[in-house]
């Protein structure tokens, strides 16, 4: 869920962003022109600037549509969107996290793009990512980017000091634990990763797949599956790392924060691919001393997922004033010329990945891509095998996150899983989830 990272960044930066309602990118529309509005959630300054530039470029590229651009802080997004929808003034186009698309489609909040964007424009998109924006066989968003939720970053210099091969990251969980013991000192943690229910709820999605071959709820959302004994190994790893002091007893930072590795407070760090952007921008002198790898697989099979792919897409509101013009902008931005999109990935230090083949190929040819020394490893060993984020109720993820947190705290693993299973069963009944999954 790169989602939490976005929320974190947005919440911190919210006081300085453009207030919702303050648009950019176009003046008053001329008579006969169609006027549409894009709401963009506040991201990083670099991403916000890119969206502003894209809107201006779109308005210059044609004379039939005027696109207005509004940046909305993440911490006020839901409230502002509900108010706008209630007043019949929802934006025509807006940014949405992949995990929300199926629910919005199911409830009629957004409209299918298949009839509005030509079939050839959908060619070359990765199927797993495309599946995350589909509902009942129709496409409701055009994938823009993906970010794997879990990558192992580590300090090569600290590996060498501990007598470990800096070019050989841990290949098994037992190795990671053993490495962690050797790397842990009074001032440096062996490894930092998620350590509370909320962060554990989403950062372990990939490992849930890896450990059991499924998530803790059935594919059709009709039955809980958290009590599967295969999950015990996942909870045991967290319990061992925490109880043996390899993880710090007090978290050094939220899961989405990459600074502890750059600050030398930990030798290994599990974080999303976005950490690369922070490390490259804020710790340039350390880049050569940092390595990246996929997390170990519980059975040693490196082709099994260890991460999920979060990301953002653009959708068209079901009540858009001009759905065809709105979808036209989506297509222009994401499905056509690759130049502007390559600039986006360049601005974010290639810490995100394009699910569209033409864009990925253009990025590979850009000399600037070499600035991120971990990008190829992450793409080939993490992104390639990752799963899409689940679209079920967040409460289901929280129930499993609570189980991992209990294990981390030293509580009985079997009981923690049974409690999660029971809680998910209640959620299925309470929220009428049965049969709503794929």
Protein backbone atom coordinates (compact mmCIF):
# COMPACT_ATOMS: atom_id res chain seq x y z
CA UNK A 1 0.00 0.00 0.00
CA UNK A 2 2.14 2.70 -1.06
CA UNK A 3 -1.07 4.24 0.12
CA UNK A 4 0.24 4.69 3.70
CA UNK A 5 3.39 6.38 2.39
CA UNK A 6 1.30 8.80 0.37
CA UNK A 7 -0.86 9.49 3.40
CA UNK A 8 2.23 10.04 5.54
CA UNK A 9 3.87 12.42 3.10
CA UNK A 10 0.62 14.21 2.45
CA UNK A 11 -0.23 14.63 6.10
CA UNK A 12 3.15 16.19 6.84
CA UNK A 13 3.04 18.42 3.80
CA UNK A 14 -0.65 19.20 3.96
CA UNK A 15 -0.22 22.57 5.58
CA UNK A 16 1.72 23.87 2.64
CA UNK A 17 -0.16 22.48 -0.29
CA UNK A 18 -2.63 24.26 -2.48
CA UNK A 19 -5.99 24.24 -0.77
CA UNK A 20 -8.63 22.12 -2.45
CA UNK A 21 -10.53 24.36 -4.77
CA UNK A 22 -7.42 26.25 -5.83
CA UNK A 23 -6.91 25.08 -9.37
CA UNK A 24 -4.05 25.41 -11.78
CA UNK A 25 -3.31 24.72 -15.39
CA UNK A 26 -6.09 26.63 -17.15
CA UNK A 27 -8.01 29.87 -17.04
CA UNK A 28 -11.73 30.34 -17.73
CA UNK A 29 -12.97 28.19 -20.58
CA UNK A 30 -13.87 29.82 -23.87
CA UNK A 31 -17.42 29.53 -25.23
CA UNK A 32 -18.00 26.15 -26.84
CA UNK A 33 -15.17 24.47 -24.96
CA UNK A 34 -15.76 21.58 -22.59
CA UNK A 35 -14.44 22.22 -19.08
CA UNK A 36 -13.40 19.30 -16.89
CA UNK A 37 -11.61 19.07 -13.55
CA UNK A 38 -8.82 16.82 -12.29
CA UNK A 39 -8.45 16.23 -8.57
CA UNK A 40 -4.99 14.99 -7.69
CA UNK A 41 -4.10 13.78 -4.23
CA UNK A 42 -1.12 15.62 -2.77
CA UNK A 43 2.01 13.55 -3.36
CA UNK A 44 5.64 14.66 -3.18
CA UNK A 45 6.62 18.10 -4.48
CA UNK A 46 8.26 16.49 -7.52
CA UNK A 47 5.11 14.53 -8.38
CA UNK A 48 2.85 17.53 -7.85
CA UNK A 49 4.99 19.64 -10.17
CA UNK A 50 4.81 16.91 -12.81
CA UNK A 51 1.00 16.83 -12.70
CA UNK A 52 0.87 20.61 -13.00
CA UNK A 53 3.15 20.48 -16.04
CA UNK A 54 1.09 17.65 -17.58
CA UNK A 55 -2.17 19.60 -17.23
CA UNK A 56 -0.63 22.67 -18.84
CA UNK A 57 0.73 20.54 -21.70
CA UNK A 58 -2.67 18.92 -22.26
CA UNK A 59 -4.39 22.30 -22.43
CA UNK A 60 -1.84 23.51 -24.97
CA UNK A 61 -2.15 20.35 -27.06
CA UNK A 62 -5.75 20.95 -28.16
CA UNK A 63 -8.45 23.62 -28.18
CA UNK A 64 -11.64 21.72 -27.38
CA UNK A 65 -11.21 20.91 -23.68
CA UNK A 66 -10.07 23.00 -20.73
CA UNK A 67 -8.72 20.94 -17.86
CA UNK A 68 -8.58 22.44 -14.38
CA UNK A 69 -6.20 21.00 -11.81
CA UNK A 70 -6.81 20.81 -8.06
CA UNK A 71 -4.40 19.35 -5.48
CA UNK A 72 -6.11 17.91 -2.39
CA UNK A 73 -4.27 16.90 0.80
CA UNK A 74 -4.63 13.20 1.62
CA UNK A 75 -5.93 13.85 5.13
CA UNK A 76 -8.90 15.84 3.78
CA UNK A 77 -9.48 13.87 0.59
CA UNK A 78 -12.31 11.62 1.78
CA UNK A 79 -14.26 14.42 3.42
CA UNK A 80 -13.90 16.77 0.44
CA UNK A 81 -14.82 14.06 -2.03
CA UNK A 82 -17.94 13.07 -0.07
CA UNK A 83 -19.02 16.70 0.12
CA UNK A 84 -18.43 17.25 -3.60
CA UNK A 85 -20.34 14.10 -4.54
CA UNK A 86 -23.25 15.02 -2.26
CA UNK A 87 -23.43 18.43 -3.90
CA UNK A 88 -23.23 16.99 -7.41
CA UNK A 89 -19.85 18.64 -7.94
CA UNK A 90 -17.47 15.70 -7.96
CA UNK A 91 -14.38 16.11 -10.16
CA UNK A 92 -14.49 14.54 -13.60
CA UNK A 93 -11.14 12.77 -13.24
CA UNK A 94 -9.24 11.88 -10.09
CA UNK A 95 -6.34 9.87 -8.73
CA UNK A 96 -7.22 6.61 -6.99
CA UNK A 97 -5.20 3.84 -5.40
CA UNK A 98 -5.60 0.52 -7.21
CA UNK A 99 -7.09 -1.22 -4.20
CA UNK A 100 -10.11 1.11 -4.22
CA UNK A 101 -11.00 0.73 -7.89
CA UNK A 102 -13.06 -2.51 -7.70
CA UNK A 103 -15.14 -1.18 -4.83
CA UNK A 104 -15.82 2.12 -6.58
CA UNK A 105 -16.77 0.23 -9.73
CA UNK A 106 -19.03 -2.14 -7.85
CA UNK A 107 -20.90 0.73 -6.18
CA UNK A 108 -21.22 2.82 -9.35
CA UNK A 109 -18.97 5.68 -8.25
CA UNK A 110 -16.78 5.52 -11.36
CA UNK A 111 -17.45 4.47 -14.93
CA UNK A 112 -15.87 1.91 -17.24
CA UNK A 113 -13.22 3.24 -19.60
CA UNK A 114 -13.42 0.44 -22.18
CA UNK A 115 -16.05 2.24 -24.28
CA UNK A 116 -14.13 5.52 -24.05
CA UNK A 117 -10.49 4.52 -24.68
CA UNK A 118 -9.75 2.54 -27.89
CA UNK A 119 -8.80 -1.13 -27.47
CA UNK A 120 -5.31 -0.67 -28.94
CA UNK A 121 -4.43 1.78 -26.16
CA UNK A 122 -4.65 -1.03 -23.60
CA UNK A 123 -1.97 -3.12 -25.29
CA UNK A 124 1.28 -3.80 -23.46
CA UNK A 125 -0.03 -3.45 -19.90
CA UNK A 126 0.99 -6.06 -17.35
CA UNK A 127 -1.96 -8.38 -16.79
CA UNK A 128 -1.75 -8.55 -12.96
CA UNK A 129 -1.79 -4.76 -12.74
CA UNK A 130 -4.57 -4.43 -15.31
CA UNK A 131 -6.60 -6.95 -13.29
CA UNK A 132 -6.45 -4.61 -10.29
CA UNK A 133 -8.50 -1.98 -12.15
CA UNK A 134 -11.08 -4.39 -13.57
CA UNK A 135 -14.55 -5.34 -12.36
CA UNK A 136 -16.97 -7.69 -14.06
CA UNK A 137 -14.72 -7.83 -17.11
CA UNK A 138 -14.56 -4.05 -17.59
CA UNK A 139 -11.67 -1.66 -17.06
CA UNK A 140 -12.25 1.27 -14.70
CA UNK A 141 -8.80 2.83 -14.55
CA UNK A 142 -5.65 3.10 -16.63
CA UNK A 143 -2.60 1.89 -14.64
CA UNK A 144 0.11 4.50 -14.26
CA UNK A 145 2.71 3.04 -11.93
CA UNK A 146 3.47 0.29 -9.46
CA UNK A 147 5.53 0.29 -6.28
CA UNK A 148 6.44 -2.98 -4.59
CA UNK A 149 5.58 -2.80 -0.91
CA UNK A 150 8.52 -4.76 0.49
CA UNK A 151 12.20 -4.69 -0.50
CA UNK A 152 15.21 -5.56 1.64
CA UNK A 153 17.72 -2.68 1.67
CA UNK A 154 20.98 -3.18 3.55
CA UNK A 155 24.23 -1.44 4.39
CA UNK A 156 27.16 -3.14 2.67
CA UNK A 157 29.68 -1.34 4.89
CA UNK A 158 28.03 -2.66 8.04
CA UNK A 159 27.92 -6.15 6.52
CA UNK A 160 31.67 -6.01 5.94
CA UNK A 161 32.32 -4.77 9.49
CA UNK A 162 30.35 -7.74 10.83
CA UNK A 163 32.34 -10.21 8.71
CA UNK A 164 29.49 -10.78 6.24
CA UNK A 165 29.81 -10.79 2.45
CA UNK A 166 28.39 -7.40 1.36
CA UNK A 167 27.47 -8.86 -2.02
CA UNK A 168 25.46 -11.72 -0.54
CA UNK A 169 22.21 -10.62 1.13
CA UNK A 170 20.32 -13.24 3.20
CA UNK A 171 18.68 -15.87 0.99
CA UNK A 172 16.58 -17.55 3.70
CA UNK A 173 14.73 -16.31 6.75
CA UNK A 174 17.12 -18.20 9.00
CA UNK A 175 20.01 -16.42 7.30
CA UNK A 176 18.28 -13.08 7.79
CA UNK A 177 17.90 -13.86 11.49
CA UNK A 178 21.52 -15.04 11.75
CA UNK A 179 22.77 -11.97 9.87
CA UNK A 180 20.63 -9.79 12.10
CA UNK A 181 22.23 -11.19 15.24
CA UNK A 182 25.72 -10.46 13.90
CA UNK A 183 24.77 -6.97 12.77
CA UNK A 184 22.99 -5.87 15.94
CA UNK A 185 25.04 -3.62 18.23
CA UNK A 186 24.28 -1.20 21.03
CA UNK A 187 23.76 1.58 18.49
CA UNK A 188 22.64 -0.26 15.36
CA UNK A 189 19.61 -2.49 14.89
CA UNK A 190 20.01 -5.68 12.90
CA UNK A 191 16.87 -5.01 10.91
CA UNK A 192 13.90 -2.66 10.99
CA UNK A 193 10.54 -3.44 9.50
CA UNK A 194 6.88 -2.94 10.32
CA UNK A 195 6.19 -3.23 14.04
CA UNK A 196 2.57 -2.20 14.63
CA UNK A 197 -0.82 -3.49 13.57
CA UNK A 198 -1.45 -0.89 10.86
CA UNK A 199 1.94 -1.19 9.12
CA UNK A 200 1.93 -4.98 9.52
CA UNK A 201 -1.56 -5.15 8.00
CA UNK A 202 -0.38 -4.07 4.56
CA UNK A 203 3.39 -4.49 4.47
CA UNK A 204 3.04 -8.27 4.96
CA UNK A 205 0.55 -8.86 2.12
CA UNK A 206 3.31 -10.26 -0.10
CA UNK A 207 4.63 -12.48 2.69
CA UNK A 208 1.11 -13.73 3.38
CA UNK A 209 1.00 -14.92 -0.22
CA UNK A 210 4.49 -16.37 0.12
CA UNK A 211 3.83 -18.29 3.32
CA UNK A 212 0.43 -19.78 2.49
CA UNK A 213 -0.18 -19.28 -1.22
CA UNK A 214 -3.25 -17.20 -0.46
CA UNK A 215 -4.50 -14.26 1.62
CA UNK A 216 -6.39 -14.65 4.93
CA UNK A 217 -9.79 -14.55 3.22
CA UNK A 218 -11.04 -16.71 0.36
CA UNK A 219 -10.92 -15.33 -3.17
CA UNK A 220 -14.68 -14.78 -3.21
CA UNK A 221 -14.52 -13.24 0.30
CA UNK A 222 -16.93 -15.80 1.68
CA UNK A 223 -14.70 -17.53 4.25
CA UNK A 224 -11.74 -16.70 6.51
CA UNK A 225 -8.43 -18.45 5.86
CA UNK A 226 -6.24 -16.87 8.53
CA UNK A 227 -6.06 -20.07 10.61
CA UNK A 228 -4.07 -21.89 7.92
CA UNK A 229 -1.05 -23.42 9.74
CA UNK A 230 1.15 -22.20 6.88
CA UNK A 231 0.93 -18.70 8.35
CA UNK A 232 2.70 -19.82 11.53
CA UNK A 233 6.13 -19.49 9.91
CA UNK A 234 5.42 -15.86 9.02
CA UNK A 235 4.40 -14.95 12.55
CA UNK A 236 7.33 -16.91 13.98
CA UNK A 237 9.83 -14.84 12.00
CA UNK A 238 8.47 -11.59 13.41
CA UNK A 239 8.35 -13.03 16.90
CA UNK A 240 11.98 -14.19 16.70
CA UNK A 241 13.27 -10.90 15.29
CA UNK A 242 11.54 -8.86 17.97
CA UNK A 243 11.94 -11.10 20.99
CA UNK A 244 15.65 -11.65 20.32
CA UNK A 245 16.28 -7.90 20.01
CA UNK A 246 17.27 -8.01 16.34
CA UNK A 247 14.47 -5.52 15.71
CA UNK A 248 14.52 -2.49 18.03
CA UNK A 249 12.01 -2.60 20.88
CA UNK A 250 10.98 0.97 20.06
CA UNK A 251 10.38 1.61 16.33
CA UNK A 252 12.93 3.96 14.81
CA UNK A 253 10.39 5.28 12.29
CA UNK A 254 7.16 4.29 10.55
CA UNK A 255 7.50 1.47 8.01
CA UNK A 256 7.36 3.83 5.04
CA UNK A 257 10.28 5.94 6.31
CA UNK A 258 13.67 5.03 4.85
CA UNK A 259 15.79 7.37 6.95
CA UNK A 260 16.98 4.89 9.63
CA UNK A 261 19.11 3.06 7.03
CA UNK A 262 20.65 6.27 5.73
CA UNK A 263 21.28 7.47 9.28
CA UNK A 264 23.14 4.28 10.14
CA UNK A 265 20.64 3.27 12.81
CA UNK A 266 19.97 -0.10 11.19
CA UNK A 267 21.97 -2.49 9.05
CA UNK A 268 18.97 -3.93 7.18
CA UNK A 269 15.62 -2.34 6.42
CA UNK A 270 12.42 -3.66 4.90
CA UNK A 271 10.63 -0.86 3.06
CA UNK A 272 8.86 -0.17 -0.23
CA UNK A 273 10.70 0.69 -3.43
CA UNK A 274 10.05 4.37 -2.75
CA UNK A 275 12.91 4.19 -0.23
CA UNK A 276 15.27 4.44 -3.19
CA UNK A 277 14.14 7.99 -3.87
CA UNK A 278 14.84 9.05 -0.28
CA UNK A 279 18.24 7.34 -0.18
CA UNK A 280 19.33 8.81 -3.51
CA UNK A 281 18.21 12.34 -2.69
CA UNK A 282 19.16 12.58 0.99
CA UNK A 283 22.12 10.20 1.32
CA UNK A 284 23.98 10.40 -2.02
CA UNK A 285 27.38 9.64 -0.46
CA UNK A 286 26.08 6.33 0.91
CA UNK A 287 24.51 5.03 -2.31
CA UNK A 288 27.51 2.83 -3.13
CA UNK A 289 27.31 1.26 0.33
CA UNK A 290 23.65 0.25 0.05
CA UNK A 291 22.37 -2.95 -1.53
CA UNK A 292 18.86 -4.14 -2.34
CA UNK A 293 17.32 -7.59 -2.59
CA UNK A 294 14.03 -9.44 -2.49
CA UNK A 295 12.94 -10.71 0.90
CA UNK A 296 13.58 -14.44 1.38
CA UNK A 297 10.91 -16.94 0.38
CA UNK A 298 9.78 -19.30 3.12
CA UNK A 299 10.37 -22.40 1.01
CA UNK A 300 13.36 -21.04 -0.87
CA UNK A 301 11.49 -20.51 -4.14
CA UNK A 302 12.64 -17.07 -5.33
CA UNK A 303 9.85 -16.94 -7.92
CA UNK A 304 7.14 -16.69 -5.28
CA UNK A 305 5.82 -13.25 -4.29
CA UNK A 306 7.33 -11.40 -1.36
CA UNK A 307 5.63 -8.07 -2.08
CA UNK A 308 2.46 -6.58 -3.47
CA UNK A 309 2.24 -3.86 -6.07
CA UNK A 310 0.58 -0.70 -4.93
CA UNK A 311 0.10 2.25 -7.18
CA UNK A 312 -2.13 4.93 -8.61
CA UNK A 313 -4.47 5.25 -11.52
CA UNK A 314 -6.78 7.86 -12.98
CA UNK A 315 -10.53 7.20 -13.03
CA UNK A 316 -13.53 9.01 -14.49
CA UNK A 317 -16.43 9.82 -12.19
CA UNK A 318 -19.76 8.19 -12.99
CA UNK A 319 -21.37 11.64 -13.17
CA UNK A 320 -18.63 13.38 -15.15
CA UNK A 321 -19.86 16.40 -17.10
CA UNK A 322 -17.99 15.13 -20.14
CA UNK A 323 -16.92 11.51 -19.80
CA UNK A 324 -15.45 11.28 -23.28
CA UNK A 325 -13.26 14.35 -22.80
CA UNK A 326 -12.23 13.09 -19.34
CA UNK A 327 -11.26 9.68 -20.69
CA UNK A 328 -9.50 11.46 -23.54
CA UNK A 329 -7.23 13.17 -21.05
CA UNK A 330 -6.51 9.86 -19.29
CA UNK A 331 -5.57 8.30 -22.61
CA UNK A 332 -3.47 11.29 -23.68
CA UNK A 333 -1.52 11.24 -20.40
CA UNK A 334 -1.06 7.52 -19.79
CA UNK A 335 -1.69 5.56 -22.99
CA UNK A 336 -0.04 7.54 -25.75
CA UNK A 337 3.30 9.36 -26.05
CA UNK A 338 5.80 8.13 -23.44
CA UNK A 339 7.93 11.29 -23.12
CA UNK A 340 6.01 12.91 -20.27
CA UNK A 341 5.68 9.64 -18.37
CA UNK A 342 9.40 8.93 -18.59
CA UNK A 343 9.95 12.37 -17.07
CA UNK A 344 7.70 11.38 -14.16
CA UNK A 345 9.77 8.28 -13.40
CA UNK A 346 12.96 10.27 -13.80
CA UNK A 347 11.77 12.92 -11.36
CA UNK A 348 11.02 10.23 -8.78
CA UNK A 349 14.49 8.68 -9.20
CA UNK A 350 13.11 5.59 -10.93
CA UNK A 351 11.86 4.33 -7.56
CA UNK A 352 8.54 3.41 -9.18
CA UNK A 353 7.87 1.15 -12.13
CA UNK A 354 5.70 1.40 -15.21
CA UNK A 355 3.29 -1.46 -15.93
CA UNK A 356 3.15 -0.36 -19.60
CA UNK A 357 5.74 -2.02 -21.85
CA UNK A 358 6.34 1.01 -24.08
CA UNK A 359 7.12 3.22 -21.09
CA UNK A 360 9.30 0.59 -19.42
CA UNK A 361 11.30 0.24 -22.64
CA UNK A 362 11.75 4.00 -22.92
CA UNK A 363 12.91 4.17 -19.30
CA UNK A 364 15.46 1.41 -19.90
CA UNK A 365 17.00 3.52 -22.69
CA UNK A 366 17.23 6.67 -20.56
CA UNK A 367 20.82 7.14 -19.28
CA UNK A 368 19.45 8.73 -16.10
CA UNK A 369 17.96 5.37 -15.08
CA UNK A 370 21.46 4.31 -14.05
CA UNK A 371 21.24 6.80 -11.17
CA UNK A 372 19.18 4.25 -9.26
CA UNK A 373 21.54 1.28 -8.83
CA UNK A 374 18.83 -0.89 -7.26
CA UNK A 375 16.10 -0.41 -9.87
CA UNK A 376 17.00 -3.41 -12.03
CA UNK A 377 17.30 -5.77 -9.07
CA UNK A 378 13.96 -4.67 -7.68
CA UNK A 379 12.27 -4.95 -11.05
CA UNK A 380 13.66 -8.39 -11.85
CA UNK A 381 13.49 -10.00 -8.42
CA UNK A 382 10.59 -8.27 -6.69
CA UNK A 383 8.24 -6.62 -9.18
CA UNK A 384 8.30 -9.58 -11.57
CA UNK A 385 6.82 -11.93 -8.96
CA UNK A 386 4.72 -9.53 -6.91
CA UNK A 387 0.95 -9.72 -6.52
CA UNK A 388 -1.60 -6.94 -6.85
CA UNK A 389 -2.83 -5.35 -3.64
CA UNK A 390 -5.99 -6.95 -2.28
CA UNK A 391 -9.22 -5.03 -2.77
CA UNK A 392 -11.17 -6.38 0.21
CA UNK A 393 -12.15 -4.30 3.23
CA UNK A 394 -9.21 -2.77 5.09
CA UNK A 395 -10.59 -4.24 8.31
CA UNK A 396 -9.67 -7.71 7.03
CA UNK A 397 -6.06 -6.65 6.66
CA UNK A 398 -6.11 -5.07 10.10
CA UNK A 399 -7.33 -8.33 11.62
CA UNK A 400 -4.31 -10.16 10.25
CA UNK A 401 -1.99 -7.29 11.16
CA UNK A 402 -3.21 -7.64 14.74
CA UNK A 403 -2.25 -11.33 14.70
CA UNK A 404 1.30 -10.53 13.54
CA UNK A 405 1.57 -7.81 16.18
CA UNK A 406 0.51 -10.27 18.88
CA UNK A 407 3.19 -12.71 17.74
CA UNK A 408 5.75 -9.92 17.72
CA UNK A 409 4.81 -9.20 21.33
CA UNK A 410 5.47 -12.82 22.30
CA UNK A 411 1.90 -14.06 22.45
CA UNK A 412 0.79 -17.51 21.34
CA UNK A 413 0.91 -17.76 17.54
CA UNK A 414 -1.83 -20.36 17.16
CA UNK A 415 -4.20 -18.33 19.30
CA UNK A 416 -3.36 -15.13 17.41
CA UNK A 417 -4.24 -16.77 14.09
CA UNK A 418 -7.45 -18.28 15.46
CA UNK A 419 -8.51 -14.86 16.75
CA UNK A 420 -7.81 -13.28 13.36
CA UNK A 421 -9.80 -16.01 11.65
CA UNK A 422 -12.77 -15.41 13.94
CA UNK A 423 -12.59 -11.65 13.45
CA UNK A 424 -12.50 -11.99 9.66
CA UNK A 425 -15.49 -14.33 9.81
CA UNK A 426 -17.42 -11.65 11.72
CA UNK A 427 -16.39 -8.99 9.20
CA UNK A 428 -17.63 -11.12 6.31
CA UNK A 429 -21.06 -11.37 7.92
CA UNK A 430 -21.21 -7.79 9.16
CA UNK A 431 -20.18 -6.19 5.86
CA UNK A 432 -21.90 -8.72 3.60
CA UNK A 433 -18.63 -9.55 1.85
CA UNK A 434 -19.46 -13.12 0.78
CA UNK A 435 -19.42 -13.46 -3.00
CA UNK A 436 -18.06 -9.95 -3.63
CA UNK A 437 -14.52 -11.06 -4.39
CA UNK A 438 -13.18 -12.31 -7.69
